[in-house]
N, C-alpha and C. Protein backbone atom coordinates (compact mmCIF):
# COMPACT_ATOMS: atom_id res chain seq x y z
N MET A 1 47.38 -15.41 114.47
CA MET A 1 47.99 -16.62 114.99
C MET A 1 47.02 -17.42 116.02
N ASN A 2 46.87 -18.70 115.77
CA ASN A 2 46.26 -19.50 116.86
C ASN A 2 47.04 -20.29 117.63
N ARG A 3 46.52 -21.02 118.50
CA ARG A 3 47.33 -21.86 119.42
C ARG A 3 48.24 -22.88 118.67
N GLU A 4 47.66 -23.49 117.48
CA GLU A 4 48.42 -24.54 116.84
C GLU A 4 49.65 -23.87 116.24
N SER A 5 49.45 -22.73 115.55
CA SER A 5 50.65 -22.14 114.93
C SER A 5 51.63 -21.49 115.93
N LEU A 6 51.16 -21.15 116.90
CA LEU A 6 52.07 -20.70 118.15
C LEU A 6 52.92 -21.71 118.46
N LEU A 7 52.34 -22.94 118.80
CA LEU A 7 52.99 -23.93 119.34
C LEU A 7 54.06 -24.57 118.22
N GLN A 8 53.61 -24.47 116.89
CA GLN A 8 54.66 -24.79 115.82
C GLN A 8 55.88 -23.96 115.74
N VAL A 9 55.78 -22.63 115.99
CA VAL A 9 56.72 -21.77 116.01
C VAL A 9 57.75 -22.14 117.16
N VAL A 10 57.30 -22.47 118.24
CA VAL A 10 58.12 -22.87 119.54
C VAL A 10 58.68 -24.18 119.21
N ALA A 11 57.98 -25.10 118.58
CA ALA A 11 58.65 -26.35 118.27
C ALA A 11 59.74 -26.19 117.30
N ASP A 12 59.37 -25.39 116.25
CA ASP A 12 60.53 -25.31 115.24
C ASP A 12 61.73 -24.67 115.81
N GLY A 13 61.55 -23.61 116.80
CA GLY A 13 62.70 -22.99 117.26
C GLY A 13 63.52 -23.98 118.26
N ALA A 14 62.74 -24.82 118.96
CA ALA A 14 63.36 -25.82 119.75
C ALA A 14 64.15 -26.84 119.05
N ALA A 15 63.53 -27.34 117.90
CA ALA A 15 64.10 -28.22 117.00
C ALA A 15 65.45 -27.76 116.33
N LEU A 16 65.41 -26.46 116.03
CA LEU A 16 66.69 -25.83 115.53
C LEU A 16 67.67 -25.70 116.40
N SER A 17 67.28 -25.17 117.69
CA SER A 17 68.42 -25.10 118.80
C SER A 17 68.96 -26.47 119.04
N GLU A 18 68.05 -27.61 119.22
CA GLU A 18 68.78 -28.83 119.48
C GLU A 18 69.58 -29.38 118.31
N LYS A 19 69.23 -29.24 117.25
CA LYS A 19 69.93 -29.62 115.95
C LYS A 19 71.34 -28.84 115.89
N PHE A 20 71.21 -27.61 116.20
CA PHE A 20 72.55 -26.78 116.10
C PHE A 20 73.52 -27.12 117.18
N PHE A 21 73.03 -27.25 118.45
CA PHE A 21 73.92 -27.67 119.51
C PHE A 21 74.36 -29.05 119.41
N SER A 22 73.57 -29.92 118.99
CA SER A 22 74.06 -31.36 118.75
C SER A 22 75.34 -31.33 117.70
N ALA A 23 75.19 -30.63 116.70
CA ALA A 23 76.15 -30.56 115.52
C ALA A 23 77.40 -29.83 115.81
N SER A 24 77.18 -28.78 116.78
CA SER A 24 78.10 -27.87 116.99
C SER A 24 78.80 -27.79 118.43
N ALA A 25 78.44 -28.86 119.18
CA ALA A 25 78.84 -28.71 120.59
C ALA A 25 80.36 -28.58 120.80
N ASP A 26 81.03 -29.11 119.92
CA ASP A 26 82.53 -29.05 120.21
C ASP A 26 83.13 -27.68 119.95
N ALA A 27 82.60 -27.26 118.79
CA ALA A 27 82.84 -25.88 118.44
C ALA A 27 82.51 -24.73 119.36
N VAL A 28 81.27 -25.02 119.93
CA VAL A 28 80.85 -24.08 120.93
C VAL A 28 81.68 -24.20 122.14
N LEU A 29 82.08 -25.27 122.63
CA LEU A 29 82.96 -25.38 123.77
C LEU A 29 84.26 -24.71 123.54
N ASP A 30 84.90 -25.01 122.34
CA ASP A 30 86.06 -24.36 121.92
C ASP A 30 85.92 -22.92 122.01
N ALA A 31 84.98 -22.32 121.48
CA ALA A 31 84.76 -20.87 121.44
C ALA A 31 84.63 -20.41 122.90
N GLY A 32 83.80 -20.99 123.78
CA GLY A 32 83.73 -20.47 125.17
C GLY A 32 85.06 -20.60 125.88
N ARG A 33 85.82 -21.66 125.66
CA ARG A 33 87.12 -21.82 126.39
C ARG A 33 88.11 -20.83 125.78
N LEU A 34 88.09 -20.55 124.53
CA LEU A 34 88.85 -19.49 123.98
C LEU A 34 88.63 -18.11 124.78
N MET A 35 87.49 -17.83 124.91
CA MET A 35 87.11 -16.46 125.66
C MET A 35 87.52 -16.67 127.00
N ALA A 36 87.18 -17.77 127.77
CA ALA A 36 87.68 -17.82 129.00
C ALA A 36 89.14 -17.71 129.25
N GLU A 37 89.82 -18.31 128.46
CA GLU A 37 91.42 -18.25 128.62
C GLU A 37 91.93 -16.73 128.26
N SER A 38 91.21 -16.10 127.30
CA SER A 38 91.58 -14.59 127.20
C SER A 38 91.35 -13.88 128.46
N LEU A 39 90.10 -14.11 129.12
CA LEU A 39 89.89 -13.38 130.24
C LEU A 39 90.77 -13.72 131.40
N ARG A 40 91.16 -15.03 131.45
CA ARG A 40 91.97 -15.40 132.47
C ARG A 40 93.48 -14.82 132.39
N GLY A 41 93.76 -14.67 131.07
CA GLY A 41 95.09 -14.00 130.91
C GLY A 41 95.14 -12.49 130.97
N GLY A 42 93.97 -11.81 131.43
CA GLY A 42 93.97 -10.42 131.39
C GLY A 42 93.43 -9.75 130.11
N GLY A 43 93.05 -10.56 129.18
CA GLY A 43 92.33 -9.99 128.07
C GLY A 43 91.01 -9.53 128.26
N LYS A 44 90.39 -9.13 127.12
CA LYS A 44 88.92 -8.77 127.19
C LYS A 44 88.20 -9.14 125.91
N LEU A 45 86.93 -9.15 126.01
CA LEU A 45 86.09 -9.44 124.87
C LEU A 45 85.59 -8.20 124.21
N LEU A 46 85.63 -8.00 122.90
CA LEU A 46 85.06 -6.87 122.28
C LEU A 46 83.93 -7.39 121.41
N ILE A 47 82.70 -7.13 121.54
CA ILE A 47 81.50 -7.82 121.04
C ILE A 47 80.80 -6.76 120.18
N PHE A 48 80.40 -7.25 118.96
CA PHE A 48 79.63 -6.26 118.24
C PHE A 48 78.74 -6.85 117.14
N GLY A 49 77.81 -6.06 116.79
CA GLY A 49 76.79 -6.47 115.74
C GLY A 49 75.78 -5.31 115.46
N ASN A 50 74.86 -5.71 114.63
CA ASN A 50 73.85 -4.57 114.27
C ASN A 50 72.35 -5.03 114.71
N GLY A 51 71.63 -4.11 115.02
CA GLY A 51 70.17 -4.49 115.35
C GLY A 51 70.09 -5.41 116.55
N GLY A 52 69.33 -6.51 116.35
CA GLY A 52 69.18 -7.49 117.33
C GLY A 52 70.47 -8.15 117.67
N SER A 53 71.49 -8.23 116.78
CA SER A 53 72.85 -8.75 117.08
C SER A 53 73.64 -7.65 118.03
N ALA A 54 73.16 -6.42 117.90
CA ALA A 54 73.76 -5.40 118.95
C ALA A 54 73.11 -5.59 120.31
N ALA A 55 71.95 -5.98 120.27
CA ALA A 55 71.39 -6.24 121.68
C ALA A 55 71.89 -7.48 122.19
N ASP A 56 72.34 -8.57 121.34
CA ASP A 56 73.03 -9.73 121.90
C ASP A 56 74.23 -9.36 122.46
N ALA A 57 75.01 -8.41 121.58
CA ALA A 57 76.41 -7.98 122.17
C ALA A 57 76.34 -7.36 123.49
N GLN A 58 75.35 -6.46 123.71
CA GLN A 58 75.05 -5.80 124.95
C GLN A 58 74.79 -6.83 126.12
N HIS A 59 73.93 -7.66 125.74
CA HIS A 59 73.50 -8.70 126.69
C HIS A 59 74.71 -9.57 127.16
N PHE A 60 75.53 -10.01 126.33
CA PHE A 60 76.61 -10.72 126.57
C PHE A 60 77.58 -10.02 127.39
N ALA A 61 77.89 -8.72 127.20
CA ALA A 61 78.88 -7.90 127.89
C ALA A 61 78.31 -7.71 129.37
N ALA A 62 76.99 -7.47 129.43
CA ALA A 62 76.44 -7.22 130.82
C ALA A 62 76.42 -8.37 131.59
N GLU A 63 76.34 -9.54 131.13
CA GLU A 63 76.44 -10.80 131.93
C GLU A 63 77.78 -11.07 132.38
N LEU A 64 78.81 -10.58 131.63
CA LEU A 64 80.18 -10.87 132.05
C LEU A 64 80.58 -9.82 133.05
N VAL A 65 80.39 -8.62 132.77
CA VAL A 65 80.94 -7.46 133.57
C VAL A 65 80.17 -7.53 134.95
N ASN A 66 78.79 -7.86 134.99
CA ASN A 66 78.19 -7.95 136.27
C ASN A 66 78.20 -9.30 136.79
N ARG A 67 77.32 -10.14 136.37
CA ARG A 67 77.37 -11.58 136.73
C ARG A 67 76.23 -12.22 135.90
N TYR A 68 76.59 -13.62 135.80
CA TYR A 68 75.61 -14.49 135.09
C TYR A 68 74.92 -15.23 136.03
N ARG A 69 75.37 -16.39 136.62
CA ARG A 69 74.82 -17.14 137.53
C ARG A 69 75.51 -17.04 138.93
N GLU A 70 76.79 -16.83 138.81
CA GLU A 70 77.53 -16.88 140.20
C GLU A 70 78.12 -15.43 140.49
N ASP A 71 78.21 -15.23 141.86
CA ASP A 71 78.82 -14.15 142.31
C ASP A 71 80.25 -14.19 142.16
N ARG A 72 80.87 -13.51 141.27
CA ARG A 72 82.37 -13.90 141.17
C ARG A 72 82.99 -12.25 140.58
N PRO A 73 84.27 -12.30 140.50
CA PRO A 73 84.86 -10.91 140.05
C PRO A 73 84.29 -10.48 138.65
N ALA A 74 84.21 -9.36 138.45
CA ALA A 74 83.74 -8.70 137.20
C ALA A 74 84.76 -9.12 135.92
N LEU A 75 84.34 -9.44 134.91
CA LEU A 75 85.06 -9.94 133.59
C LEU A 75 84.93 -8.90 132.58
N ALA A 76 86.09 -8.71 131.95
CA ALA A 76 86.31 -7.59 131.00
C ALA A 76 85.64 -7.85 129.60
N ALA A 77 84.48 -7.16 129.44
CA ALA A 77 83.88 -7.30 128.14
C ALA A 77 83.16 -5.85 127.77
N ILE A 78 83.36 -5.58 126.41
CA ILE A 78 82.96 -4.31 126.10
C ILE A 78 81.93 -4.51 124.80
N ALA A 79 80.62 -4.13 124.77
CA ALA A 79 79.85 -4.14 123.64
C ALA A 79 80.20 -2.77 122.79
N LEU A 80 80.67 -2.89 121.57
CA LEU A 80 80.98 -1.76 120.76
C LEU A 80 79.76 -1.10 120.15
N THR A 81 78.48 -1.30 120.72
CA THR A 81 77.31 -0.91 120.14
C THR A 81 76.70 0.19 121.10
N THR A 82 77.28 0.65 122.13
CA THR A 82 76.59 1.38 123.17
C THR A 82 76.90 2.83 123.36
N ASP A 83 78.10 3.30 122.92
CA ASP A 83 78.39 4.58 122.98
C ASP A 83 78.03 5.47 121.80
N SER A 84 76.82 6.16 122.27
CA SER A 84 76.24 6.88 121.10
C SER A 84 77.08 8.02 120.44
N SER A 85 78.08 8.62 121.09
CA SER A 85 78.78 9.69 120.74
C SER A 85 79.82 9.20 119.66
N ILE A 86 80.49 7.99 120.07
CA ILE A 86 81.43 7.35 119.20
C ILE A 86 80.81 6.76 117.95
N LEU A 87 79.55 6.14 118.11
CA LEU A 87 78.92 5.55 116.91
C LEU A 87 78.37 6.60 115.89
N THR A 88 77.92 7.80 116.56
CA THR A 88 77.38 8.60 115.59
C THR A 88 78.52 9.63 114.92
N SER A 89 79.60 9.81 115.56
CA SER A 89 80.62 10.60 115.07
C SER A 89 81.33 9.70 113.94
N ILE A 90 81.47 8.34 114.19
CA ILE A 90 82.15 7.52 113.17
C ILE A 90 81.38 7.50 111.90
N ALA A 91 80.01 7.27 112.14
CA ALA A 91 78.96 7.15 110.99
C ALA A 91 78.79 8.55 110.33
N ASN A 92 78.99 9.67 110.97
CA ASN A 92 78.82 10.90 110.29
C ASN A 92 80.06 11.30 109.73
N ASP A 93 81.18 11.24 110.45
CA ASP A 93 82.49 11.83 109.98
C ASP A 93 83.25 10.99 108.91
N SER A 94 82.96 9.60 109.06
CA SER A 94 83.71 8.67 108.27
C SER A 94 82.71 7.92 107.42
N ASP A 95 82.36 6.68 107.91
CA ASP A 95 81.45 5.67 107.13
C ASP A 95 80.99 4.72 108.03
N PHE A 96 79.75 4.42 107.89
CA PHE A 96 79.11 3.34 108.87
C PHE A 96 79.88 2.11 108.87
N ALA A 97 80.44 1.80 107.71
CA ALA A 97 81.32 0.39 107.69
C ALA A 97 82.41 0.41 108.62
N HIS A 98 82.87 1.67 109.21
CA HIS A 98 84.03 1.76 110.05
C HIS A 98 83.48 1.83 111.51
N LEU A 99 82.30 1.57 111.74
CA LEU A 99 81.75 1.61 113.12
C LEU A 99 82.46 0.85 114.20
N PHE A 100 82.78 -0.29 113.80
CA PHE A 100 83.39 -1.27 114.73
C PHE A 100 84.93 -1.36 114.65
N SER A 101 85.35 -1.06 113.39
CA SER A 101 86.78 -1.29 113.17
C SER A 101 87.59 -0.18 113.89
N ARG A 102 87.05 1.14 114.00
CA ARG A 102 87.72 2.21 114.62
C ARG A 102 87.77 1.86 116.18
N GLN A 103 86.79 1.36 116.72
CA GLN A 103 86.79 0.99 118.01
C GLN A 103 87.68 -0.12 118.34
N VAL A 104 87.75 -1.09 117.51
CA VAL A 104 88.70 -2.25 117.67
C VAL A 104 90.08 -1.71 117.65
N GLU A 105 90.44 -0.77 116.68
CA GLU A 105 91.77 -0.21 116.60
C GLU A 105 92.09 0.57 117.83
N ALA A 106 91.08 1.08 118.44
CA ALA A 106 91.50 1.94 119.68
C ALA A 106 91.65 1.09 121.01
N LEU A 107 90.73 0.09 120.97
CA LEU A 107 90.74 -0.62 122.23
C LEU A 107 91.28 -2.13 122.22
N GLY A 108 91.52 -2.77 121.08
CA GLY A 108 91.95 -4.11 120.96
C GLY A 108 93.39 -4.30 121.20
N ALA A 109 93.72 -5.30 121.67
CA ALA A 109 95.23 -5.62 121.94
C ALA A 109 95.28 -7.20 121.79
N PRO A 110 96.50 -7.66 121.43
CA PRO A 110 96.67 -9.13 121.37
C PRO A 110 96.46 -9.75 122.79
N GLY A 111 95.74 -10.86 122.75
CA GLY A 111 95.23 -11.57 123.90
C GLY A 111 93.72 -11.32 124.02
N ASP A 112 93.07 -10.26 123.46
CA ASP A 112 91.63 -9.97 123.49
C ASP A 112 91.05 -10.97 122.35
N VAL A 113 89.78 -10.92 122.49
CA VAL A 113 88.99 -11.86 121.56
C VAL A 113 87.81 -10.86 121.02
N ALA A 114 87.67 -10.97 119.86
CA ALA A 114 86.64 -9.99 119.11
C ALA A 114 85.40 -11.05 118.74
N VAL A 115 84.21 -10.83 119.20
CA VAL A 115 83.14 -11.64 119.08
C VAL A 115 82.24 -10.79 118.02
N ALA A 116 82.19 -11.27 116.83
CA ALA A 116 81.26 -10.57 115.76
C ALA A 116 80.12 -11.35 115.49
N ILE A 117 78.95 -10.65 115.63
CA ILE A 117 77.59 -11.44 115.48
C ILE A 117 76.99 -10.72 114.11
N SER A 118 76.52 -11.65 113.15
CA SER A 118 75.77 -11.15 112.00
C SER A 118 74.87 -12.33 111.62
N THR A 119 73.57 -12.21 111.58
CA THR A 119 72.76 -13.33 111.33
C THR A 119 72.98 -13.70 109.74
N SER A 120 73.39 -12.63 108.89
CA SER A 120 73.65 -12.96 107.64
C SER A 120 75.17 -13.32 107.31
N GLY A 121 76.00 -12.88 108.07
CA GLY A 121 77.46 -13.11 107.81
C GLY A 121 77.85 -12.02 106.82
N THR A 122 77.11 -11.06 106.47
CA THR A 122 77.52 -10.17 105.36
C THR A 122 77.59 -8.70 105.78
N SER A 123 77.34 -8.49 107.02
CA SER A 123 77.34 -6.96 107.32
C SER A 123 78.77 -6.39 107.29
N ALA A 124 78.77 -5.20 106.48
CA ALA A 124 80.01 -4.66 106.02
C ALA A 124 80.75 -4.23 107.31
N ASN A 125 80.16 -3.56 108.22
CA ASN A 125 80.88 -3.00 109.37
C ASN A 125 81.28 -4.02 110.44
N VAL A 126 80.61 -5.26 110.46
CA VAL A 126 80.97 -6.35 111.16
C VAL A 126 82.35 -7.05 110.65
N LEU A 127 82.39 -7.06 109.26
CA LEU A 127 83.42 -7.68 108.50
C LEU A 127 84.68 -6.79 108.64
N GLU A 128 84.37 -5.57 108.67
CA GLU A 128 85.55 -4.49 108.93
C GLU A 128 86.08 -4.55 110.22
N GLY A 129 85.28 -4.73 111.23
CA GLY A 129 85.63 -4.98 112.65
C GLY A 129 86.51 -6.15 112.85
N VAL A 130 86.14 -7.32 112.14
CA VAL A 130 86.92 -8.51 112.26
C VAL A 130 88.22 -8.33 111.65
N ALA A 131 88.31 -7.70 110.37
CA ALA A 131 89.56 -7.25 109.76
C ALA A 131 90.58 -6.52 110.60
N ALA A 132 90.03 -5.46 111.27
CA ALA A 132 90.86 -4.76 112.14
C ALA A 132 91.31 -5.63 113.37
N ALA A 133 90.42 -6.44 113.83
CA ALA A 133 90.84 -7.38 114.87
C ALA A 133 91.91 -8.32 114.51
N ARG A 134 91.96 -8.86 113.42
CA ARG A 134 92.94 -9.68 112.73
C ARG A 134 94.23 -8.92 112.62
N LYS A 135 94.04 -7.65 112.17
CA LYS A 135 95.40 -6.85 111.96
C LYS A 135 96.13 -6.64 113.31
N ARG A 136 95.27 -6.52 114.47
CA ARG A 136 95.83 -6.34 115.72
C ARG A 136 96.19 -7.59 116.56
N ASN A 137 95.99 -8.71 115.80
CA ASN A 137 96.42 -10.09 116.28
C ASN A 137 95.40 -10.44 117.57
N LEU A 138 94.11 -10.15 117.33
CA LEU A 138 93.11 -10.60 118.28
C LEU A 138 92.78 -11.96 117.80
N LYS A 139 92.18 -12.74 118.69
CA LYS A 139 91.36 -13.95 118.13
C LYS A 139 90.08 -13.60 117.85
N THR A 140 89.47 -14.32 116.82
CA THR A 140 88.24 -13.70 116.30
C THR A 140 87.20 -14.95 116.38
N VAL A 141 85.84 -14.66 116.87
CA VAL A 141 84.85 -15.78 117.03
C VAL A 141 83.65 -15.05 116.26
N GLY A 142 82.99 -15.75 115.40
CA GLY A 142 81.82 -15.38 114.71
C GLY A 142 80.61 -16.05 115.05
N LEU A 143 79.50 -15.29 115.20
CA LEU A 143 78.15 -15.98 115.31
C LEU A 143 77.44 -15.61 114.09
N SER A 144 77.06 -16.51 113.26
CA SER A 144 76.45 -16.19 111.96
C SER A 144 75.25 -16.83 111.79
N GLY A 145 74.49 -17.02 110.59
CA GLY A 145 73.41 -17.74 110.26
C GLY A 145 73.49 -18.16 108.70
N ARG A 146 72.56 -18.68 108.28
CA ARG A 146 72.29 -19.16 106.93
C ARG A 146 73.42 -20.01 106.45
N ASP A 147 74.32 -19.63 105.42
CA ASP A 147 75.49 -20.32 105.18
C ASP A 147 76.83 -19.82 105.72
N GLY A 148 76.61 -18.85 106.62
CA GLY A 148 77.82 -18.26 107.21
C GLY A 148 78.25 -16.93 106.68
N GLY A 149 78.03 -16.81 105.37
CA GLY A 149 78.57 -15.75 104.65
C GLY A 149 80.05 -15.48 104.62
N PRO A 150 80.39 -14.26 104.23
CA PRO A 150 81.96 -14.02 104.45
C PRO A 150 82.42 -14.04 105.79
N LEU A 151 81.66 -13.85 106.85
CA LEU A 151 82.09 -13.99 108.21
C LEU A 151 82.71 -15.28 108.45
N ALA A 152 81.97 -16.31 107.97
CA ALA A 152 82.51 -17.70 108.35
C ALA A 152 83.95 -17.87 107.97
N GLU A 153 84.34 -17.18 106.80
CA GLU A 153 85.76 -17.50 106.49
C GLU A 153 86.60 -16.42 107.01
N ALA A 154 86.21 -15.36 107.44
CA ALA A 154 87.06 -14.21 108.04
C ALA A 154 87.50 -14.31 109.51
N VAL A 155 86.69 -15.28 110.31
CA VAL A 155 87.09 -15.36 111.65
C VAL A 155 87.90 -16.73 111.94
N ASP A 156 88.41 -16.77 113.12
CA ASP A 156 89.15 -18.01 113.47
C ASP A 156 88.22 -19.21 113.63
N LEU A 157 86.94 -18.84 114.27
CA LEU A 157 86.10 -19.87 114.55
C LEU A 157 84.65 -19.30 114.39
N CYS A 158 83.90 -19.96 113.51
CA CYS A 158 82.50 -19.37 113.44
C CYS A 158 81.49 -20.41 113.78
N LEU A 159 80.37 -19.94 114.48
CA LEU A 159 79.28 -20.81 114.78
C LEU A 159 78.14 -20.36 114.05
N THR A 160 77.79 -21.11 112.95
CA THR A 160 76.88 -20.76 111.92
C THR A 160 75.45 -21.57 112.28
N VAL A 161 74.36 -20.84 112.41
CA VAL A 161 73.07 -21.38 112.64
C VAL A 161 72.32 -21.55 111.19
N PRO A 162 72.37 -22.93 110.61
CA PRO A 162 72.02 -22.88 109.25
C PRO A 162 70.36 -22.93 109.09
N HIS A 163 69.90 -21.68 109.03
CA HIS A 163 68.46 -21.44 108.93
C HIS A 163 68.22 -20.15 108.16
N PRO A 164 67.24 -20.07 107.37
CA PRO A 164 66.91 -18.88 106.55
C PRO A 164 66.32 -17.69 107.27
N LEU A 165 65.68 -17.98 108.41
CA LEU A 165 64.82 -16.88 109.04
C LEU A 165 65.78 -16.17 110.22
N THR A 166 65.86 -14.87 110.02
CA THR A 166 66.73 -14.12 111.12
C THR A 166 66.06 -14.40 112.47
N ALA A 167 64.81 -14.45 112.69
CA ALA A 167 64.26 -14.50 114.09
C ALA A 167 64.72 -15.83 114.73
N ARG A 168 64.75 -16.94 113.89
CA ARG A 168 65.19 -18.22 114.32
C ARG A 168 66.74 -18.19 114.71
N ILE A 169 67.52 -17.67 113.76
CA ILE A 169 68.93 -17.54 114.03
C ILE A 169 69.21 -16.95 115.35
N GLN A 170 68.45 -15.66 115.53
CA GLN A 170 68.75 -14.87 116.65
C GLN A 170 68.36 -15.60 117.97
N GLU A 171 67.48 -16.40 118.00
CA GLU A 171 67.03 -17.17 119.19
C GLU A 171 68.10 -18.12 119.57
N VAL A 172 68.84 -18.74 118.58
CA VAL A 172 69.88 -19.58 118.87
C VAL A 172 71.15 -18.72 119.33
N HIS A 173 71.38 -17.57 118.72
CA HIS A 173 72.41 -16.71 119.17
C HIS A 173 72.23 -16.32 120.67
N ALA A 174 70.97 -16.08 121.00
CA ALA A 174 70.70 -15.59 122.39
C ALA A 174 71.07 -16.72 123.30
N MET A 175 70.74 -17.96 122.84
CA MET A 175 71.06 -19.15 123.84
C MET A 175 72.64 -19.30 123.89
N LEU A 176 73.24 -19.08 122.68
CA LEU A 176 74.63 -19.08 122.72
C LEU A 176 75.40 -18.15 123.70
N VAL A 177 74.75 -17.04 123.81
CA VAL A 177 75.25 -16.09 124.77
C VAL A 177 75.24 -16.63 126.26
N HIS A 178 74.16 -17.24 126.54
CA HIS A 178 74.09 -17.79 127.84
C HIS A 178 75.03 -19.02 128.06
N VAL A 179 75.07 -19.85 127.02
CA VAL A 179 75.95 -21.02 127.07
C VAL A 179 77.42 -20.61 127.20
N PHE A 180 77.82 -19.54 126.56
CA PHE A 180 79.22 -19.02 126.64
C PHE A 180 79.57 -18.63 128.15
N CYS A 181 78.49 -17.87 128.68
CA CYS A 181 78.61 -17.45 130.08
C CYS A 181 78.77 -18.58 130.96
N GLU A 182 78.12 -19.64 130.74
CA GLU A 182 78.28 -20.86 131.75
C GLU A 182 79.57 -21.54 131.45
N ILE A 183 80.11 -21.51 130.31
CA ILE A 183 81.23 -22.25 130.04
C ILE A 183 82.41 -21.16 130.69
N ILE A 184 82.26 -20.02 130.52
CA ILE A 184 83.37 -19.09 131.16
C ILE A 184 83.35 -19.12 132.63
N GLU A 185 82.04 -19.02 133.22
CA GLU A 185 82.07 -19.10 134.67
C GLU A 185 82.67 -20.53 135.18
N ALA A 186 82.20 -21.53 134.62
CA ALA A 186 82.77 -22.94 134.93
C ALA A 186 84.08 -23.12 134.79
N THR A 187 84.73 -22.32 133.88
CA THR A 187 86.23 -22.59 133.56
C THR A 187 87.03 -21.64 134.53
N LEU A 188 86.52 -20.54 134.67
CA LEU A 188 87.29 -19.52 135.52
C LEU A 188 87.05 -19.61 137.16
N TYR A 189 85.89 -20.09 137.43
CA TYR A 189 85.40 -20.01 138.75
C TYR A 189 84.60 -21.50 139.16
N PRO A 190 85.40 -22.55 138.96
CA PRO A 190 84.78 -23.75 139.21
C PRO A 190 84.46 -23.92 140.66
N LYS A 191 83.27 -24.55 140.85
CA LYS A 191 82.87 -24.85 142.26
C LYS A 191 83.59 -25.99 142.85
N ALA A 192 83.73 -25.82 144.16
CA ALA A 192 84.49 -26.93 144.92
C ALA A 192 83.66 -28.26 144.81
N PRO A 193 84.28 -29.26 144.80
CA PRO A 193 83.50 -30.68 144.75
C PRO A 193 82.39 -30.79 145.78
N GLY A 194 81.23 -31.04 145.54
CA GLY A 194 80.24 -31.16 146.47
C GLY A 194 79.53 -29.80 146.86
N ALA A 195 79.99 -28.69 146.29
CA ALA A 195 79.25 -27.47 146.60
C ALA A 195 78.00 -27.39 145.76
N SER A 196 76.97 -26.69 146.17
CA SER A 196 75.74 -26.60 145.52
C SER A 196 75.63 -25.21 144.82
């Protein structure tokens, strides 16, 4: 890679991000507010995905439980990708497709929001997790890519990044995590007028 191709990668990513957020701003705000209202009402976020999407799930949960920009009370969010004993026991004793659905069955309750992340929208275990969430009357938000895949139809609200490359989709998903955190903090802990 040379300087020109490096800058082209960056430009392509920035253009995709701007295009996505321009087209999807209202849906992004709706998703963020849905999560904020769940948390305000004593609910929690159950967040899950595979690979890079698992990392996004963990990142999102960490920003909410600890802090994003503001010092404020901890918020209830669980990444269903982190407990190696649970993950390996389900994968070994049952089926990898049940990785998230079993955890949603154990932890999910009405008022919670399941946040399902899949760049293809086709991951079987993510779709099973969404199905379990809907059975338990959780609200569901999807982060997908390409054409959204089956995930787009399975969730209450899906944010689909229309691009064929997983890396570019993941870059927008990572930005979505931060945008959601900003919406949630601004909704639940607004600053007083004139505060810096």
